[in-house]
Protein backbone atom coordinates (compact mmCIF):
# COMPACT_ATOMS: atom_id res chain seq x y z
CA MET A 1 35.77 44.28 70.49
CA ARG A 2 34.19 47.42 69.09
CA ARG A 3 30.69 46.02 69.63
CA LEU A 4 31.50 45.00 73.19
CA LEU A 5 32.72 48.44 74.26
CA VAL A 6 30.07 50.72 72.75
CA GLY A 7 28.05 50.79 75.97
CA THR A 8 31.11 51.69 78.02
CA VAL A 9 32.03 54.52 75.66
CA ALA A 10 28.55 55.99 76.00
CA ALA A 11 28.60 55.65 79.78
CA LEU A 12 31.98 57.35 80.09
CA ALA A 13 30.93 60.13 77.72
CA LEU A 14 27.87 60.82 79.86
CA LEU A 15 30.07 60.74 82.93
CA ALA A 16 32.44 63.33 81.50
CA ALA A 17 29.54 65.62 80.65
CA SER A 18 27.88 65.30 84.06
CA CYS A 19 31.16 65.88 85.89
CA SER A 20 32.35 68.83 83.80
CA THR A 21 32.01 71.25 86.68
CA LEU A 22 34.03 69.15 89.12
CA ASP A 23 37.62 70.04 89.96
CA SER A 24 40.24 67.75 88.43
CA ALA A 25 42.19 65.16 90.40
CA GLY A 26 38.77 63.96 91.25
CA ASP A 27 39.69 64.75 94.71
CA ALA A 28 37.04 66.96 96.29
CA ALA A 29 36.16 70.38 94.95
CA THR A 30 35.74 71.54 98.53
CA GLU A 31 39.39 70.96 99.43
CA THR A 32 41.83 73.87 99.41
CA THR A 33 44.96 73.63 97.27
CA ALA A 34 47.97 75.77 96.45
CA ALA A 35 49.87 76.49 93.27
CA SER A 36 53.32 76.25 94.85
CA ALA A 37 54.90 73.82 97.28
CA PRO A 38 57.31 74.86 100.01
CA ALA A 39 59.72 72.30 101.38
CA GLU A 40 57.96 69.36 102.95
CA GLU A 41 58.56 68.82 106.63
CA GLU A 42 57.96 65.14 107.20
CA THR A 43 57.43 63.24 110.41
CA THR A 44 57.29 59.50 110.73
CA THR A 45 54.58 58.31 113.07
CA THR A 46 52.84 55.09 113.93
CA ALA A 47 49.32 54.87 112.58
CA PRO A 48 46.45 52.89 114.09
CA SER A 49 45.13 49.88 112.31
CA PRO A 50 41.56 50.00 110.97
CA GLU A 51 40.51 48.32 114.21
CA GLY A 52 42.07 51.14 116.24
CA THR A 53 45.13 49.29 117.56
CA SER A 54 48.63 50.68 117.11
CA THR A 55 51.40 48.84 115.31
CA GLU A 56 55.02 49.91 115.81
CA PRO A 57 57.11 50.41 112.64
CA GLU A 58 59.71 47.96 113.98
CA THR A 59 57.18 45.12 113.64
CA ALA A 60 56.14 46.04 110.13
CA ALA A 61 57.36 42.83 108.53
CA VAL A 62 54.69 40.64 107.03
CA ASP A 63 55.31 37.09 108.27
CA ASP A 64 53.44 35.41 105.45
CA ALA A 65 54.37 37.88 102.72
CA PRO A 66 53.67 36.41 99.28
CA ASP A 67 56.42 35.74 96.78
CA THR A 68 56.33 38.81 94.54
CA THR A 69 58.70 37.50 91.89
CA VAL A 70 57.48 38.85 88.57
CA VAL A 71 55.73 36.23 86.50
CA GLU A 72 53.94 36.41 83.18
CA ALA A 73 50.64 38.19 83.85
CA GLY A 74 47.91 36.37 82.02
CA SER A 75 45.40 39.02 83.07
CA ALA A 76 47.30 41.64 81.08
CA ALA A 77 46.64 39.68 77.89
CA LEU A 78 42.86 39.53 78.36
CA THR A 79 40.75 41.79 76.16
CA GLY A 80 37.10 42.78 75.82
CA GLU A 81 34.67 43.05 78.70
CA LEU A 82 36.18 41.24 81.67
CA THR A 83 34.83 39.99 84.96
CA PHE A 84 36.40 39.02 88.31
CA GLU A 85 36.09 36.86 91.40
CA VAL A 86 36.72 38.11 94.94
CA LEU A 87 39.31 35.99 96.75
CA GLU A 88 39.52 37.85 100.05
CA THR A 89 38.44 41.06 101.74
CA VAL A 90 40.35 42.82 104.52
CA PRO A 91 39.84 46.07 106.47
CA HIS A 92 40.99 49.40 105.04
CA ASP A 93 41.52 52.69 106.88
CA ILE A 94 38.27 54.57 106.36
CA ASP A 95 40.09 57.90 106.70
CA ALA A 96 42.48 57.12 103.83
CA PHE A 97 41.65 59.17 100.73
CA THR A 98 43.37 56.64 98.50
CA GLN A 99 45.27 58.05 95.52
CA GLY A 100 47.63 55.21 94.68
CA LEU A 101 48.19 51.57 95.66
CA GLU A 102 51.03 49.19 94.84
CA LEU A 103 52.53 45.98 96.19
CA THR A 104 56.15 46.26 97.34
CA PRO A 105 58.79 43.55 96.81
CA ASP A 106 58.44 42.36 100.43
CA GLY A 107 54.68 41.93 100.11
CA SER A 108 53.50 45.10 101.85
CA LEU A 109 51.03 47.44 100.22
CA LEU A 110 52.29 50.94 99.49
CA GLU A 111 49.46 53.47 99.62
CA GLY A 112 49.46 57.18 98.85
CA THR A 113 46.64 59.36 100.19
CA GLY A 114 45.40 62.85 99.40
CA LEU A 115 43.56 65.94 100.71
CA THR A 116 45.36 69.10 101.74
CA GLY A 117 46.71 68.75 105.26
CA ALA A 118 45.83 65.04 105.40
CA SER A 119 48.06 63.54 102.69
CA ASP A 120 50.61 60.82 103.42
CA ARG A 121 52.40 57.76 102.12
CA ARG A 122 52.12 54.56 104.09
CA LEU A 123 52.87 50.85 104.23
CA VAL A 124 49.99 48.49 104.93
CA ASP A 125 49.93 44.82 105.93
CA PRO A 126 47.67 43.19 103.32
CA ALA A 127 46.87 40.31 105.66
CA THR A 128 45.16 42.57 108.20
CA GLY A 129 44.84 46.04 106.67
CA ALA A 130 46.93 47.47 109.52
CA VAL A 131 49.07 50.51 108.75
CA THR A 132 52.66 49.70 109.71
CA ARG A 133 54.46 52.90 108.72
CA ILE A 134 53.29 56.36 107.71
CA VAL A 135 54.95 59.61 106.67
CA GLU A 136 52.74 62.67 106.51
CA ILE A 137 52.98 65.33 103.81
CA ASP A 138 52.63 68.91 104.96
CA ALA A 139 50.24 71.35 103.29
CA PRO A 140 49.96 72.74 100.72
CA LEU A 141 50.92 69.50 98.97
CA PHE A 142 47.93 67.35 98.03
CA GLY A 143 49.16 63.78 97.64
CA GLU A 144 48.38 61.83 94.48
CA GLY A 145 49.58 58.69 92.66
CA ILE A 146 52.49 56.64 94.00
CA THR A 147 54.77 53.89 92.65
CA VAL A 148 57.84 51.80 93.50
CA VAL A 149 61.11 52.01 91.54
CA ASP A 150 63.76 49.63 92.88
CA ASP A 151 64.41 50.73 96.48
CA ARG A 152 62.66 54.08 96.05
CA VAL A 153 59.11 55.42 96.06
CA VAL A 154 57.88 58.29 93.89
CA GLN A 155 54.70 60.15 94.85
CA LEU A 156 52.93 62.87 92.87
CA SER A 157 51.17 65.99 94.10
CA TRP A 158 48.02 67.35 92.52
CA GLN A 159 48.56 70.98 91.51
CA SER A 160 51.98 71.83 92.97
CA GLY A 161 54.07 70.33 90.16
CA VAL A 162 56.14 68.36 92.67
CA ALA A 163 56.98 64.65 92.75
CA ILE A 164 58.60 63.35 95.94
CA GLU A 165 61.16 60.54 95.85
CA ALA A 166 61.54 58.62 99.11
CA ARG A 167 63.25 55.53 100.46
CA LEU A 168 61.09 52.43 100.30
CA ASP A 169 62.22 51.04 103.65
CA ASP A 170 61.29 54.00 105.85
CA LEU A 171 59.47 56.32 103.38
CA SER A 172 61.81 59.23 104.19
CA GLU A 173 62.22 61.83 101.46
CA THR A 174 65.42 61.79 99.39
CA ARG A 175 64.79 64.38 96.65
CA ARG A 176 62.12 66.04 94.50
CA PHE A 177 61.28 66.34 90.82
CA SER A 178 59.26 69.06 89.14
CA TYR A 179 56.78 68.82 86.28
CA ASP A 180 54.23 70.98 84.49
CA GLY A 181 50.50 70.50 84.92
CA GLU A 182 48.62 68.33 87.36
CA GLY A 183 49.58 64.96 88.83
CA TRP A 184 46.98 62.19 89.18
CA GLY A 185 48.16 58.59 88.66
CA LEU A 186 51.63 57.07 88.39
CA CYS A 187 53.18 53.67 87.69
CA TRP A 188 56.58 52.31 86.65
CA ASP A 189 56.66 49.83 83.76
CA GLY A 190 60.21 48.67 84.37
CA ALA A 191 61.80 51.24 82.07
CA ARG A 192 59.83 54.48 82.45
CA PHE A 193 57.15 56.22 84.47
CA VAL A 194 53.62 56.35 83.11
CA MET A 195 51.67 59.32 84.48
CA SER A 196 48.12 60.65 84.20
CA ASP A 197 46.98 64.24 84.71
CA GLY A 198 43.18 63.96 84.59
CA SER A 199 42.99 64.40 80.85
CA ASP A 200 42.83 61.68 78.18
CA GLU A 201 46.63 61.56 77.96
CA LEU A 202 49.28 59.34 79.48
CA THR A 203 52.72 60.95 79.80
CA PHE A 204 55.94 58.94 79.76
CA ARG A 205 58.91 60.02 81.86
CA ASP A 206 62.43 58.72 82.39
CA ARG A 207 64.03 57.95 85.75
CA GLU A 208 64.87 61.65 86.25
CA PHE A 209 61.23 62.51 85.50
CA THR A 210 61.97 64.13 82.16
CA GLU A 211 59.05 63.78 79.73
CA THR A 212 59.81 61.43 76.83
CA GLY A 213 56.42 61.14 75.12
CA ARG A 214 52.62 61.13 75.34
CA VAL A 215 49.70 59.10 74.08
CA SER A 216 45.94 59.75 74.06
CA VAL A 217 43.71 57.09 75.64
CA THR A 218 40.84 56.14 73.33
CA LEU A 219 38.00 53.65 73.64
CA ASP A 220 36.13 52.70 70.50
CA GLY A 221 37.80 55.69 68.84
CA GLU A 222 36.69 58.23 71.47
CA PRO A 223 39.11 59.96 73.87
CA ILE A 224 38.54 59.01 77.52
CA ASP A 225 39.51 61.69 80.00
CA ARG A 226 39.72 61.70 83.81
CA ILE A 227 42.25 58.87 83.70
CA ASN A 228 43.28 58.50 87.34
CA GLU A 229 45.19 55.83 89.34
CA LEU A 230 47.48 53.62 87.25
CA GLU A 231 49.02 50.16 87.55
CA CYS A 232 51.64 48.91 85.05
CA VAL A 233 51.46 45.15 84.46
CA ALA A 234 53.34 43.21 81.76
CA GLY A 235 53.05 45.85 79.06
CA ARG A 236 49.52 46.96 79.97
CA VAL A 237 48.39 49.97 81.98
CA TRP A 238 45.32 49.42 84.15
CA ALA A 239 43.55 52.68 85.02
CA ASN A 240 40.80 53.91 87.27
CA VAL A 241 38.59 56.61 85.77
CA TRP A 242 37.56 59.40 88.15
CA GLN A 243 33.88 59.14 89.12
CA SER A 244 33.53 55.79 87.32
CA ASP A 245 33.33 52.15 88.47
CA VAL A 246 35.04 50.99 85.26
CA ILE A 247 38.70 49.96 85.19
CA LEU A 248 40.38 50.27 81.79
CA GLY A 249 43.09 48.04 80.33
CA ILE A 250 45.20 50.30 78.10
CA ASP A 251 47.85 49.48 75.50
CA PRO A 252 50.42 52.25 76.17
CA THR A 253 51.95 51.96 72.72
CA ASP A 254 48.90 53.55 71.06
CA GLY A 255 46.54 54.42 73.93
CA ASP A 256 43.88 51.95 72.79
CA VAL A 257 41.60 50.56 75.51
CA GLU A 258 41.78 46.81 75.02
CA ALA A 259 39.77 45.73 78.06
CA THR A 260 37.19 47.02 80.52
CA LEU A 261 36.23 45.76 83.97
CA ASP A 262 33.06 46.91 85.72
CA ALA A 263 33.89 46.86 89.45
CA ALA A 264 30.73 48.58 90.70
CA SER A 265 29.74 45.59 92.85
CA LEU A 266 32.87 46.05 95.00
CA LYS A 267 31.75 49.39 96.45
CA PRO A 268 30.53 48.96 100.04
CA ASP A 269 26.90 49.87 100.67
CA GLU A 270 27.82 52.28 103.46
CA VAL A 271 30.06 54.36 101.16
CA ASP A 272 27.97 57.13 99.61
CA GLY A 273 30.15 60.25 99.43
CA LEU A 274 30.54 61.90 96.03
CA ASP A 275 34.33 61.59 96.24
CA ASP A 276 34.46 58.15 97.88
CA VAL A 277 34.98 56.34 94.59
CA LEU A 278 36.85 53.30 93.32
CA ASN A 279 40.56 54.21 93.25
CA GLY A 280 43.50 51.93 93.91
CA ILE A 281 44.90 49.02 91.86
CA ALA A 282 47.82 46.87 93.07
CA HIS A 283 49.00 43.81 91.14
CA ARG A 284 50.32 40.75 93.01
CA ALA A 285 52.67 39.16 90.50
CA SER A 286 53.12 35.87 92.36
CA ASP A 287 49.59 34.73 91.50
CA ASP A 288 48.38 37.40 89.05
CA THR A 289 45.74 38.82 91.38
CA TYR A 290 44.89 42.43 92.26
CA TRP A 291 44.13 44.45 95.37
CA LEU A 292 41.35 46.97 94.69
CA THR A 293 39.94 49.64 96.99
CA GLY A 294 38.56 53.17 96.98
CA LYS A 295 38.77 56.53 98.69
CA ARG A 296 37.67 56.23 102.33
CA TRP A 297 36.47 52.68 101.81
CA PRO A 298 36.32 50.46 104.92
CA VAL A 299 37.60 47.43 102.97
CA MET A 300 39.93 46.39 100.18
CA HIS A 301 39.44 43.31 98.03
CA ARG A 302 41.86 40.90 96.41
CA VAL A 303 40.40 39.75 93.11
CA ARG A 304 41.28 37.60 90.14
CA ILE A 305 40.47 39.13 86.75
CA LEU A 306 38.75 36.68 84.42
CA PRO A 307 37.66 36.62 80.78
CA GLY A 308 34.14 37.85 80.17
CA GLY A 309 31.48 36.02 78.22
CA ASP A 310 29.58 36.76 75.04
CA GLY A 311 32.55 36.57 72.73
CA ALA A 312 35.13 38.51 74.74
CA ASP A 313 38.50 38.29 73.05
CA GLN A 314 41.27 36.38 74.81
């Protein structure tokens, strides 16, 4: 394992050095932000699909929604350098600055987007990529990671120290939590929130968002910072790394990176913006596959994660 990951450690170390002058949240140094967040005034609107056609919220149901009953996730047990196969590719809203992605119990994709004045939370039909419901977030909040907890949604903000709880069915706000520091990625592991803040640490929080612990993420003994979007799957935390094409498989008990997945080949050729990077991991439990996308990408891919070669542990 140590031999397999040396190259990734070096690559991420170089990445951290080259990006040291970038703003955190990985989310555009040119965007304006604010240190405090006034009350959010939300409006529910109907958003166009990637093809430009409108879909009314009342027709948001996915006819062929997959069975999302939780099953044992074999992918979460894989270690070493992993690979993947692409199973399908569907359109993705090219204006969506994706900050978080998760599959809901009814088979829709929940997506949180960022940028000041352009942040929202939305439901997406994974069969077509069409946006079926959207709730905008007023400035100065800069939307970040998002996750599902029972019949609720919790969405972070970048530098405002505010997490928004909303109803899953219509995405309307129900209450807010506060926290110190920045908010980047968020997932729910069935018992607690796991949250990233752009550093090398994962923070654990209870249902009321009270911090209960922290762990440093390390790969081959070296701390890995810029941990971004998170997905909790069967005791593992999958994580995007800001400005990197590598997805990490993290053991949250000790922060050790057990697996790496190089997803560079998924990035569309026409995407060339500095901030338009891989970001967004959603696990489909019914068949242990994953939806992956990026900020302002025109597509999202459903992939199956597979063991790598050359002695990768399984």
